[in-house]
Amino acid sequence: MFPSKKVQSLIGTKIQVEMKGSPRHILEGVLNSVDEYLNLHLLETVEIVNGEKTRSLGSVILRGNNIILISPAE
């Protein structure tokens, strides 16, 4: 299965996304849409630092080339 098809199967579910950069950025939200470049639109997004939810970001668009890891949230 192609990565974009696997990510498209997660639309409507809560996911965690690890972003490039230092310190480590993790965002958690409901996947609303994804395109062929793995750009993501998340709803109800929150930022997670050191395992703690720190702030609410709402609707966020993430550029695919800045994403390290996408996983279903627990």
PDB file of N, CA and C in Angstrom:
ATOM      1  N   MET A   1       0.849  -1.175   0.000  1.00  0.00           N
ATOM      2  CA  MET A   1       0.000   0.000   0.000  1.00  0.00           C
ATOM      3  C   MET A   1       0.899   1.244   0.000  1.00  0.00           C
ATOM      4  N   PHE A   2       0.576   2.226  -0.839  1.00  0.00           N
ATOM      5  CA  PHE A   2       1.350   3.463  -0.889  1.00  0.00           C
ATOM      6  C   PHE A   2       1.126   4.279   0.374  1.00  0.00           C
ATOM      7  N   PRO A   3       2.147   5.014   0.834  1.00  0.00           N
ATOM      8  CA  PRO A   3       1.994   5.803   2.074  1.00  0.00           C
ATOM      9  C   PRO A   3       0.806   6.764   2.032  1.00  0.00           C
ATOM     10  N   SER A   4       0.575   7.420   0.885  1.00  0.00           N
ATOM     11  CA  SER A   4      -0.535   8.379   0.822  1.00  0.00           C
ATOM     12  C   SER A   4      -1.882   7.673   0.971  1.00  0.00           C
ATOM     13  N   LYS A   5      -2.011   6.454   0.440  1.00  0.00           N
ATOM     14  CA  LYS A   5      -3.261   5.690   0.594  1.00  0.00           C
ATOM     15  C   LYS A   5      -3.464   5.280   2.046  1.00  0.00           C
ATOM     16  N   LYS A   6      -2.384   4.889   2.719  1.00  0.00           N
ATOM     17  CA  LYS A   6      -2.473   4.510   4.126  1.00  0.00           C
ATOM     18  C   LYS A   6      -2.905   5.705   4.972  1.00  0.00           C
ATOM     19  N   VAL A   7      -2.334   6.879   4.710  1.00  0.00           N
ATOM     20  CA  VAL A   7      -2.690   8.081   5.466  1.00  0.00           C
ATOM     21  C   VAL A   7      -4.128   8.476   5.153  1.00  0.00           C
ATOM     22  N   GLN A   8      -4.557   8.344   3.893  1.00  0.00           N
ATOM     23  CA  GLN A   8      -5.944   8.668   3.537  1.00  0.00           C
ATOM     24  C   GLN A   8      -6.929   7.779   4.287  1.00  0.00           C
ATOM     25  N   SER A   9      -6.530   6.555   4.607  1.00  0.00           N
ATOM     26  CA  SER A   9      -7.412   5.660   5.354  1.00  0.00           C
ATOM     27  C   SER A   9      -7.608   6.139   6.799  1.00  0.00           C
ATOM     28  N   LEU A  10      -6.765   7.073   7.261  1.00  0.00           N
ATOM     29  CA  LEU A  10      -6.863   7.605   8.630  1.00  0.00           C
ATOM     30  C   LEU A  10      -7.740   8.858   8.723  1.00  0.00           C
ATOM     31  N   ILE A  11      -8.290   9.331   7.600  1.00  0.00           N
ATOM     32  CA  ILE A  11      -9.133  10.530   7.624  1.00  0.00           C
ATOM     33  C   ILE A  11     -10.313  10.303   8.562  1.00  0.00           C
ATOM     34  N   GLY A  12     -10.548  11.291   9.423  1.00  0.00           N
ATOM     35  CA  GLY A  12     -11.630  11.210  10.403  1.00  0.00           C
ATOM     36  C   GLY A  12     -11.201  10.639  11.740  1.00  0.00           C
ATOM     37  N   THR A  13      -9.949  10.189  11.841  1.00  0.00           N
ATOM     38  CA  THR A  13      -9.458   9.644  13.108  1.00  0.00           C
ATOM     39  C   THR A  13      -8.406  10.577  13.709  1.00  0.00           C
ATOM     40  N   LYS A  14      -8.147  10.393  14.996  1.00  0.00           N
ATOM     41  CA  LYS A  14      -7.145  11.194  15.688  1.00  0.00           C
ATOM     42  C   LYS A  14      -5.759  10.619  15.419  1.00  0.00           C
ATOM     43  N   ILE A  15      -4.824  11.495  15.027  1.00  0.00           N
ATOM     44  CA  ILE A  15      -3.457  11.064  14.739  1.00  0.00           C
ATOM     45  C   ILE A  15      -2.462  11.944  15.489  1.00  0.00           C
ATOM     46  N   GLN A  16      -1.237  11.439  15.612  1.00  0.00           N
ATOM     47  CA  GLN A  16      -0.117  12.220  16.127  1.00  0.00           C
ATOM     48  C   GLN A  16       0.887  12.398  15.012  1.00  0.00           C
ATOM     49  N   VAL A  17       1.434  13.603  14.905  1.00  0.00           N
ATOM     50  CA  VAL A  17       2.389  13.925  13.853  1.00  0.00           C
ATOM     51  C   VAL A  17       3.642  14.499  14.502  1.00  0.00           C
ATOM     52  N   GLU A  18       4.801  13.890  14.204  1.00  0.00           N
ATOM     53  CA  GLU A  18       6.070  14.423  14.676  1.00  0.00           C
ATOM     54  C   GLU A  18       6.660  15.275  13.566  1.00  0.00           C
ATOM     55  N   MET A  19       7.008  16.517  13.913  1.00  0.00           N
ATOM     56  CA  MET A  19       7.516  17.486  12.950  1.00  0.00           C
ATOM     57  C   MET A  19       9.025  17.636  13.083  1.00  0.00           C
ATOM     58  N   LYS A  20       9.668  18.050  11.979  1.00  0.00           N
ATOM     59  CA  LYS A  20      11.105  18.349  12.003  1.00  0.00           C
ATOM     60  C   LYS A  20      11.355  19.525  12.932  1.00  0.00           C
ATOM     61  N   GLY A  21      12.590  19.623  13.396  1.00  0.00           N
ATOM     62  CA  GLY A  21      12.989  20.767  14.208  1.00  0.00           C
ATOM     63  C   GLY A  21      13.468  20.355  15.575  1.00  0.00           C
ATOM     64  N   SER A  22      14.062  21.301  16.222  1.00  0.00           N
ATOM     65  CA  SER A  22      14.532  21.097  17.574  1.00  0.00           C
ATOM     66  C   SER A  22      13.988  22.236  18.418  1.00  0.00           C
ATOM     67  N   PRO A  23      13.331  22.023  19.502  1.00  0.00           N
ATOM     68  CA  PRO A  23      13.036  20.732  20.123  1.00  0.00           C
ATOM     69  C   PRO A  23      11.993  19.949  19.318  1.00  0.00           C
ATOM     70  N   ARG A  24      11.809  18.707  19.710  1.00  0.00           N
ATOM     71  CA  ARG A  24      10.877  17.809  19.028  1.00  0.00           C
ATOM     72  C   ARG A  24       9.441  18.328  19.149  1.00  0.00           C
ATOM     73  N   HIS A  25       8.780  18.496  18.013  1.00  0.00           N
ATOM     74  CA  HIS A  25       7.401  18.981  17.995  1.00  0.00           C
ATOM     75  C   HIS A  25       6.459  17.839  17.675  1.00  0.00           C
ATOM     76  N   ILE A  26       5.462  17.619  18.526  1.00  0.00           N
ATOM     77  CA  ILE A  26       4.431  16.611  18.271  1.00  0.00           C
ATOM     78  C   ILE A  26       3.082  17.313  18.324  1.00  0.00           C
ATOM     79  N   LEU A  27       2.279  17.088  17.291  1.00  0.00           N
ATOM     80  CA  LEU A  27       0.935  17.634  17.228  1.00  0.00           C
ATOM     81  C   LEU A  27      -0.049  16.476  17.175  1.00  0.00           C
ATOM     82  N   GLU A  28      -1.198  16.657  17.819  1.00  0.00           N
ATOM     83  CA  GLU A  28      -2.238  15.639  17.817  1.00  0.00           C
ATOM     84  C   GLU A  28      -3.539  16.290  17.411  1.00  0.00           C
ATOM     85  N   GLY A  29      -4.239  15.669  16.459  1.00  0.00           N
ATOM     86  CA  GLY A  29      -5.512  16.211  16.023  1.00  0.00           C
ATOM     87  C   GLY A  29      -6.247  15.233  15.133  1.00  0.00           C
ATOM     88  N   VAL A  30      -7.441  15.630  14.716  1.00  0.00           N
ATOM     89  CA  VAL A  30      -8.269  14.804  13.840  1.00  0.00           C
ATOM     90  C   VAL A  30      -7.892  15.117  12.393  1.00  0.00           C
ATOM     91  N   LEU A  31      -7.502  14.092  11.652  1.00  0.00           N
ATOM     92  CA  LEU A  31      -7.109  14.270  10.257  1.00  0.00           C
ATOM     93  C   LEU A  31      -8.343  14.581   9.419  1.00  0.00           C
ATOM     94  N   ASN A  32      -8.353  15.760   8.801  1.00  0.00           N
ATOM     95  CA  ASN A  32      -9.478  16.190   7.976  1.00  0.00           C
ATOM     96  C   ASN A  32      -9.249  15.883   6.500  1.00  0.00           C
ATOM     97  N   SER A  33      -8.011  16.116   6.018  1.00  0.00           N
ATOM     98  CA  SER A  33      -7.705  15.825   4.616  1.00  0.00           C
ATOM     99  C   SER A  33      -6.206  15.673   4.429  1.00  0.00           C
ATOM    100  N   VAL A  34      -5.840  15.041   3.299  1.00  0.00           N
ATOM    101  CA  VAL A  34      -4.439  14.823   2.938  1.00  0.00           C
ATOM    102  C   VAL A  34      -4.354  14.870   1.419  1.00  0.00           C
ATOM    103  N   ASP A  35      -3.232  15.366   0.882  1.00  0.00           N
ATOM    104  CA  ASP A  35      -3.052  15.378  -0.573  1.00  0.00           C
ATOM    105  C   ASP A  35      -1.883  14.481  -0.974  1.00  0.00           C
ATOM    106  N   GLU A  36      -1.534  14.483  -2.271  1.00  0.00           N
ATOM    107  CA  GLU A  36      -0.491  13.583  -2.785  1.00  0.00           C
ATOM    108  C   GLU A  36       0.900  13.905  -2.255  1.00  0.00           C
ATOM    109  N   TYR A  37       1.105  15.116  -1.708  1.00  0.00           N
ATOM    110  CA  TYR A  37       2.396  15.504  -1.128  1.00  0.00           C
ATOM    111  C   TYR A  37       2.452  15.247   0.378  1.00  0.00           C
ATOM    112  N   LEU A  38       1.413  14.614   0.912  1.00  0.00           N
ATOM    113  CA  LEU A  38       1.236  14.347   2.344  1.00  0.00           C
ATOM    114  C   LEU A  38       1.109  15.631   3.162  1.00  0.00           C
ATOM    115  N   ASN A  39       0.639  16.714   2.535  1.00  0.00           N
ATOM    116  CA  ASN A  39       0.225  17.887   3.298  1.00  0.00           C
ATOM    117  C   ASN A  39      -1.029  17.483   4.060  1.00  0.00           C
ATOM    118  N   LEU A  40      -1.103  17.850   5.337  1.00  0.00           N
ATOM    119  CA  LEU A  40      -2.200  17.415   6.193  1.00  0.00           C
ATOM    120  C   LEU A  40      -3.001  18.607   6.696  1.00  0.00           C
ATOM    121  N   HIS A  41      -4.317  18.418   6.820  1.00  0.00           N
ATOM    122  CA  HIS A  41      -5.179  19.394   7.488  1.00  0.00           C
ATOM    123  C   HIS A  41      -5.727  18.702   8.728  1.00  0.00           C
ATOM    124  N   LEU A  42      -5.359  19.238   9.906  1.00  0.00           N
ATOM    125  CA  LEU A  42      -5.808  18.680  11.177  1.00  0.00           C
ATOM    126  C   LEU A  42      -6.799  19.623  11.836  1.00  0.00           C
ATOM    127  N   LEU A  43      -7.794  19.052  12.494  1.00  0.00           N
ATOM    128  CA  LEU A  43      -8.766  19.811  13.274  1.00  0.00           C
ATOM    129  C   LEU A  43      -8.577  19.469  14.742  1.00  0.00           C
ATOM    130  N   GLU A  44      -9.007  20.367  15.622  1.00  0.00           N
ATOM    131  CA  GLU A  44      -8.914  20.156  17.081  1.00  0.00           C
ATOM    132  C   GLU A  44      -7.487  19.803  17.489  1.00  0.00           C
ATOM    133  N   THR A  45      -6.512  20.500  16.914  1.00  0.00           N
ATOM    134  CA  THR A  45      -5.100  20.184  17.110  1.00  0.00           C
ATOM    135  C   THR A  45      -4.583  20.720  18.439  1.00  0.00           C
ATOM    136  N   VAL A  46      -3.768  19.911  19.110  1.00  0.00           N
ATOM    137  CA  VAL A  46      -3.081  20.334  20.327  1.00  0.00           C
ATOM    138  C   VAL A  46      -1.597  20.023  20.179  1.00  0.00           C
ATOM    139  N   GLU A  47      -0.766  20.839  20.824  1.00  0.00           N
ATOM    140  CA  GLU A  47       0.683  20.637  20.822  1.00  0.00           C
ATOM    141  C   GLU A  47       1.053  19.819  22.048  1.00  0.00           C
ATOM    142  N   ILE A  48       1.954  18.852  21.862  1.00  0.00           N
ATOM    143  CA  ILE A  48       2.397  17.998  22.967  1.00  0.00           C
ATOM    144  C   ILE A  48       3.887  18.209  23.179  1.00  0.00           C
ATOM    145  N   VAL A  49       4.258  18.583  24.421  1.00  0.00           N
ATOM    146  CA  VAL A  49       5.658  18.783  24.779  1.00  0.00           C
ATOM    147  C   VAL A  49       5.939  17.933  26.012  1.00  0.00           C
ATOM    148  N   ASN A  50       6.958  17.085  25.921  1.00  0.00           N
ATOM    149  CA  ASN A  50       7.337  16.188  27.023  1.00  0.00           C
ATOM    150  C   ASN A  50       6.154  15.349  27.501  1.00  0.00           C
ATOM    151  N   GLY A  51       5.320  14.891  26.569  1.00  0.00           N
ATOM    152  CA  GLY A  51       4.190  14.040  26.919  1.00  0.00           C
ATOM    153  C   GLY A  51       2.986  14.763  27.478  1.00  0.00           C
ATOM    154  N   GLU A  52       3.050  16.093  27.603  1.00  0.00           N
ATOM    155  CA  GLU A  52       1.948  16.885  28.166  1.00  0.00           C
ATOM    156  C   GLU A  52       1.332  17.754  27.084  1.00  0.00           C
ATOM    157  N   LYS A  53       0.012  17.810  27.026  1.00  0.00           N
ATOM    158  CA  LYS A  53      -0.674  18.698  26.093  1.00  0.00           C
ATOM    159  C   LYS A  53      -0.533  20.128  26.603  1.00  0.00           C
ATOM    160  N   THR A  54       0.143  20.985  25.799  1.00  0.00           N
ATOM    161  CA  THR A  54       0.471  22.318  26.285  1.00  0.00           C
ATOM    162  C   THR A  54      -0.463  23.412  25.793  1.00  0.00           C
ATOM    163  N   ARG A  55      -0.839  23.375  24.505  1.00  0.00           N
ATOM    164  CA  ARG A  55      -1.739  24.423  24.011  1.00  0.00           C
ATOM    165  C   ARG A  55      -2.589  23.906  22.868  1.00  0.00           C
ATOM    166  N   SER A  56      -3.768  24.521  22.742  1.00  0.00           N
ATOM    167  CA  SER A  56      -4.702  24.166  21.687  1.00  0.00           C
ATOM    168  C   SER A  56      -4.452  25.069  20.478  1.00  0.00           C
ATOM    169  N   LEU A  57      -4.357  24.462  19.281  1.00  0.00           N
ATOM    170  CA  LEU A  57      -4.072  25.211  18.062  1.00  0.00           C
ATOM    171  C   LEU A  57      -5.260  25.263  17.109  1.00  0.00           C
ATOM    172  N   GLY A  58      -6.280  24.444  17.314  1.00  0.00           N
ATOM    173  CA  GLY A  58      -7.454  24.443  16.444  1.00  0.00           C
ATOM    174  C   GLY A  58      -7.174  23.797  15.099  1.00  0.00           C
ATOM    175  N   SER A  59      -7.519  24.504  14.019  1.00  0.00           N
ATOM    176  CA  SER A  59      -7.329  24.002  12.658  1.00  0.00           C
ATOM    177  C   SER A  59      -5.917  24.332  12.189  1.00  0.00           C
ATOM    178  N   VAL A  60      -5.175  23.305  11.708  1.00  0.00           N
ATOM    179  CA  VAL A  60      -3.780  23.480  11.321  1.00  0.00           C
ATOM    180  C   VAL A  60      -3.533  22.770   9.994  1.00  0.00           C
ATOM    181  N   ILE A  61      -2.743  23.407   9.127  1.00  0.00           N
ATOM    182  CA  ILE A  61      -2.288  22.775   7.894  1.00  0.00           C
ATOM    183  C   ILE A  61      -0.794  22.533   8.028  1.00  0.00           C
ATOM    184  N   LEU A  62      -0.371  21.279   7.812  1.00  0.00           N
ATOM    185  CA  LEU A  62       1.031  20.894   7.948  1.00  0.00           C
ATOM    186  C   LEU A  62       1.596  20.546   6.578  1.00  0.00           C
ATOM    187  N   ARG A  63       2.749  21.094   6.268  1.00  0.00           N
ATOM    188  CA  ARG A  63       3.398  20.817   4.995  1.00  0.00           C
ATOM    189  C   ARG A  63       4.097  19.460   5.060  1.00  0.00           C
ATOM    190  N   GLY A  64       3.886  18.648   4.051  1.00  0.00           N
ATOM    191  CA  GLY A  64       4.367  17.272   4.044  1.00  0.00           C
ATOM    192  C   GLY A  64       5.865  17.113   4.207  1.00  0.00           C
ATOM    193  N   ASN A  65       6.660  18.044   3.659  1.00  0.00           N
ATOM    194  CA  ASN A  65       8.115  17.873   3.756  1.00  0.00           C
ATOM    195  C   ASN A  65       8.662  18.215   5.134  1.00  0.00           C
ATOM    196  N   ASN A  66       7.836  18.676   6.056  1.00  0.00           N
ATOM    197  CA  ASN A  66       8.266  18.949   7.431  1.00  0.00           C
ATOM    198  C   ASN A  66       7.835  17.853   8.399  1.00  0.00           C
ATOM    199  N   ILE A  67       7.225  16.793   7.884  1.00  0.00           N
ATOM    200  CA  ILE A  67       6.709  15.717   8.726  1.00  0.00           C
ATOM    201  C   ILE A  67       7.715  14.562   8.775  1.00  0.00           C
ATOM    202  N   ILE A  68       7.993  14.094   9.994  1.00  0.00           N
ATOM    203  CA  ILE A  68       8.879  12.949  10.191  1.00  0.00           C
ATOM    204  C   ILE A  68       8.067  11.671  10.336  1.00  0.00           C
ATOM    205  N   LEU A  69       6.986  11.720  11.134  1.00  0.00           N
ATOM    206  CA  LEU A  69       6.249  10.518  11.497  1.00  0.00           C
ATOM    207  C   LEU A  69       4.772  10.828  11.647  1.00  0.00           C
ATOM    208  N   ILE A  70       3.925   9.937  11.136  1.00  0.00           N
ATOM    209  CA  ILE A  70       2.472  10.027  11.313  1.00  0.00           C
ATOM    210  C   ILE A  70       2.023   8.712  11.936  1.00  0.00           C
ATOM    211  N   SER A  71       1.268   8.814  13.035  1.00  0.00           N
ATOM    212  CA  SER A  71       0.781   7.579  13.670  1.00  0.00           C
ATOM    213  C   SER A  71      -0.594   7.817  14.260  1.00  0.00           C
ATOM    214  N   PRO A  72      -1.421   6.755  14.347  1.00  0.00           N
ATOM    215  CA  PRO A  72      -2.721   6.879  14.999  1.00  0.00           C
ATOM    216  C   PRO A  72      -2.524   7.209  16.475  1.00  0.00           C
ATOM    217  N   ALA A  73      -3.360   8.090  17.017  1.00  0.00           N
ATOM    218  CA  ALA A  73      -3.254   8.451  18.437  1.00  0.00           C
ATOM    219  C   ALA A  73      -3.888   7.349  19.279  1.00  0.00           C
ATOM    220  N   GLU A  74      -3.400   7.227  20.485  1.00  0.00           N
ATOM    221  CA  GLU A  74      -3.896   6.188  21.385  1.00  0.00           C
ATOM    222  C   GLU A  74      -5.074   6.679  22.179  1.00  0.00           C
TER     223      GLU A  74
END
